[in-house]
């Protein structure tokens, strides 16, 4: 499972994506479980007040089911002028 990162999430992790090992990916069945895994691996991400999750190019809620083949992205708040 690959999680794409943008903006501040990419800066914190130091890469443009996170690779979830297959043995872990099989236990990640919802967006909420995905966030728990990611925040456990990268606690600094918890400091971002609002991270949106997109599954297959659609914004998702915590209860949205996910499978290993889904395209997943973490999207931090956007700022600018």
Foldseek 3Di string as FASTA:
>chain_A
DKEAEDDPRCVQVVHRIDDDDPVVQVVQFFQLSVVVVVCVVRVVVVPQPDKWKDWQNHTDDRGHTDHPPIHIYIHGDDDDD
